[in-house]
């Protein structure tokens, strides 16, 4: 089983296990050259420059969930809750659908774990799903809701 047992699911299910499940890479977003470059770019999609505060809830769990900040810059996506697990930013695609902006992104870490994000932004409201797929093991899913920070 991968050391990173899907970042958000670990946070949502058993916070005490976060240390045991941390990625061996200890990559920080500060060391992600693609994210650094994205921050310096002019906007390339409808969400660039947005920061969104959300609460993550693993499927099958209840409660308020765990906090995260989703960031968009230069056509890339970043989840701050994924930093301790070695996930950097991932390319982000957006599609305008009526009054909504839909987005998708996939982020990976050095261990080969993958987090896939899908979301919809309407005005300042944001909601979506995430799927955490460890290199070895079963995929786990969750939902999130929140609002843009202005």
Protein backbone atom coordinates (compact mmCIF):
# COMPACT_ATOMS: atom_id res chain seq x y z
CA UNK A 1 0.00 0.00 0.00
CA UNK A 2 1.23 3.50 -0.83
CA UNK A 3 2.53 5.65 2.03
CA UNK A 4 0.19 8.39 0.89
CA UNK A 5 -3.17 6.74 1.34
CA UNK A 6 -5.04 9.49 -0.49
CA UNK A 7 -4.51 12.82 1.15
CA UNK A 8 -8.03 14.10 1.63
CA UNK A 9 -9.55 10.79 2.60
CA UNK A 10 -6.99 10.35 5.34
CA UNK A 11 -7.76 13.83 6.63
CA UNK A 12 -11.49 13.16 6.45
CA UNK A 13 -11.48 9.66 7.91
CA UNK A 14 -8.77 9.43 10.55
CA UNK A 15 -6.76 12.58 11.25
CA UNK A 16 -4.47 10.68 13.61
CA UNK A 17 -3.26 8.54 10.72
CA UNK A 18 -2.09 11.55 8.68
CA UNK A 19 1.48 11.22 9.94
CA UNK A 20 1.69 7.53 9.12
CA UNK A 21 0.23 8.09 5.66
CA UNK A 22 2.31 11.09 4.64
CA UNK A 23 4.09 10.97 1.32
CA UNK A 24 7.73 10.06 1.38
CA UNK A 25 8.52 12.90 -1.01
CA UNK A 26 7.68 15.78 1.37
CA UNK A 27 7.29 17.98 -1.72
CA UNK A 28 5.96 21.42 -0.97
CA UNK A 29 4.14 23.70 -3.37
CA UNK A 30 7.02 26.11 -2.82
CA UNK A 31 9.20 23.64 -4.75
CA UNK A 32 6.73 23.14 -7.62
CA UNK A 33 8.25 25.02 -10.58
CA UNK A 34 5.04 24.68 -12.62
CA UNK A 35 3.05 26.43 -9.87
CA UNK A 36 5.66 29.18 -9.50
CA UNK A 37 5.48 29.80 -13.24
CA UNK A 38 1.67 29.74 -13.20
CA UNK A 39 1.56 32.44 -10.52
CA UNK A 40 3.60 34.74 -12.78
CA UNK A 41 1.40 34.16 -15.87
CA UNK A 42 -1.47 36.20 -17.17
CA UNK A 43 -4.83 34.43 -16.71
CA UNK A 44 -5.37 31.60 -19.20
CA UNK A 45 -8.80 30.38 -18.07
CA UNK A 46 -11.94 31.66 -16.37
CA UNK A 47 -10.83 30.69 -12.83
CA UNK A 48 -7.25 31.96 -12.83
CA UNK A 49 -6.66 34.18 -9.82
CA UNK A 50 -9.45 32.56 -7.78
CA UNK A 51 -8.97 31.23 -4.24
CA UNK A 52 -11.76 29.05 -2.89
CA UNK A 53 -12.29 27.98 0.72
CA UNK A 54 -14.00 24.58 0.86
CA UNK A 55 -14.84 21.78 3.31
CA UNK A 56 -13.94 18.23 2.21
CA UNK A 57 -16.20 15.34 3.21
CA UNK A 58 -15.30 11.74 2.39
CA UNK A 59 -18.13 9.61 0.97
CA UNK A 60 -19.84 7.76 3.81
CA UNK A 61 -18.83 10.35 6.41
CA UNK A 62 -20.87 13.16 7.90
CA UNK A 63 -20.07 16.39 9.67
CA UNK A 64 -18.53 19.69 8.67
CA UNK A 65 -15.58 18.11 6.90
CA UNK A 66 -11.98 19.27 6.72
CA UNK A 67 -10.87 22.70 5.47
CA UNK A 68 -8.98 23.23 2.22
CA UNK A 69 -8.13 26.18 -0.01
CA UNK A 70 -8.27 25.57 -3.77
CA UNK A 71 -6.20 27.96 -5.87
CA UNK A 72 -6.18 28.63 -9.61
CA UNK A 73 -3.36 30.34 -11.55
CA UNK A 74 -1.93 30.21 -15.07
CA UNK A 75 -4.15 27.31 -16.14
CA UNK A 76 -3.18 25.26 -13.05
CA UNK A 77 -4.94 24.06 -9.89
CA UNK A 78 -3.56 23.64 -6.36
CA UNK A 79 -5.07 22.22 -3.15
CA UNK A 80 -3.36 23.45 0.04
CA UNK A 81 -4.53 20.38 2.00
CA UNK A 82 -2.49 18.21 -0.39
CA UNK A 83 0.83 19.95 0.33
CA UNK A 84 1.84 17.72 3.27
CA UNK A 85 1.35 14.66 1.05
CA UNK A 86 3.69 15.82 -1.70
CA UNK A 87 1.08 16.86 -4.25
CA UNK A 88 1.99 19.82 -6.42
CA UNK A 89 -0.26 21.64 -8.84
CA UNK A 90 -1.95 20.12 -11.86
CA UNK A 91 -3.14 21.43 -15.22
CA UNK A 92 -6.69 22.74 -14.96
CA UNK A 93 -9.27 22.86 -17.72
CA UNK A 94 -12.41 24.98 -17.52
CA UNK A 95 -15.66 24.99 -19.50
CA UNK A 96 -18.38 27.63 -19.42
CA UNK A 97 -21.81 26.00 -19.06
CA UNK A 98 -24.55 28.63 -18.83
CA UNK A 99 -23.95 30.63 -15.65
CA UNK A 100 -21.48 28.05 -14.35
CA UNK A 101 -17.78 27.37 -14.85
CA UNK A 102 -16.90 23.68 -14.67
CA UNK A 103 -13.31 22.59 -14.01
CA UNK A 104 -11.23 19.43 -13.88
CA UNK A 105 -7.69 18.83 -12.69
CA UNK A 106 -5.44 15.91 -11.81
CA UNK A 107 -2.54 16.27 -9.37
CA UNK A 108 0.09 13.62 -8.65
CA UNK A 109 2.88 13.14 -6.14
CA UNK A 110 6.32 11.48 -6.43
CA UNK A 111 4.91 8.23 -5.01
CA UNK A 112 2.57 7.94 -8.01
CA UNK A 113 -0.62 8.70 -6.09
CA UNK A 114 -3.26 10.69 -7.99
CA UNK A 115 -5.99 13.15 -6.92
CA UNK A 116 -8.65 13.98 -9.50
CA UNK A 117 -10.83 17.04 -9.00
CA UNK A 118 -14.11 18.05 -10.67
CA UNK A 119 -16.01 21.15 -9.69
CA UNK A 120 -18.59 23.74 -10.60
CA UNK A 121 -18.43 27.44 -9.78
CA UNK A 122 -21.63 29.53 -9.87
CA UNK A 123 -21.02 33.10 -8.77
CA UNK A 124 -19.03 32.68 -5.58
CA UNK A 125 -20.42 29.21 -4.71
CA UNK A 126 -18.27 26.16 -5.45
CA UNK A 127 -19.02 22.45 -5.19
CA UNK A 128 -17.55 19.29 -6.59
CA UNK A 129 -15.99 15.88 -6.09
CA UNK A 130 -12.51 14.52 -5.63
CA UNK A 131 -11.14 11.02 -6.17
CA UNK A 132 -7.96 9.89 -4.43
CA UNK A 133 -6.24 6.98 -6.12
CA UNK A 134 -3.15 5.60 -4.40
CA UNK A 135 -0.59 3.89 -6.65
CA UNK A 136 -1.58 0.68 -4.92
CA UNK A 137 -5.03 0.21 -3.49
CA UNK A 138 -8.59 1.25 -4.10
CA UNK A 139 -9.74 4.71 -5.14
CA UNK A 140 -11.66 6.76 -2.58
CA UNK A 141 -14.03 9.66 -3.23
CA UNK A 142 -15.43 12.68 -1.48
CA UNK A 143 -17.30 15.90 -2.04
CA UNK A 144 -16.58 19.54 -1.25
CA UNK A 145 -18.50 22.81 -1.00
CA UNK A 146 -17.39 26.33 -0.35
CA UNK A 147 -17.06 29.85 -1.66
CA UNK A 148 -14.57 32.07 -3.44
CA UNK A 149 -12.41 34.34 -1.33
CA UNK A 150 -12.57 37.89 -2.67
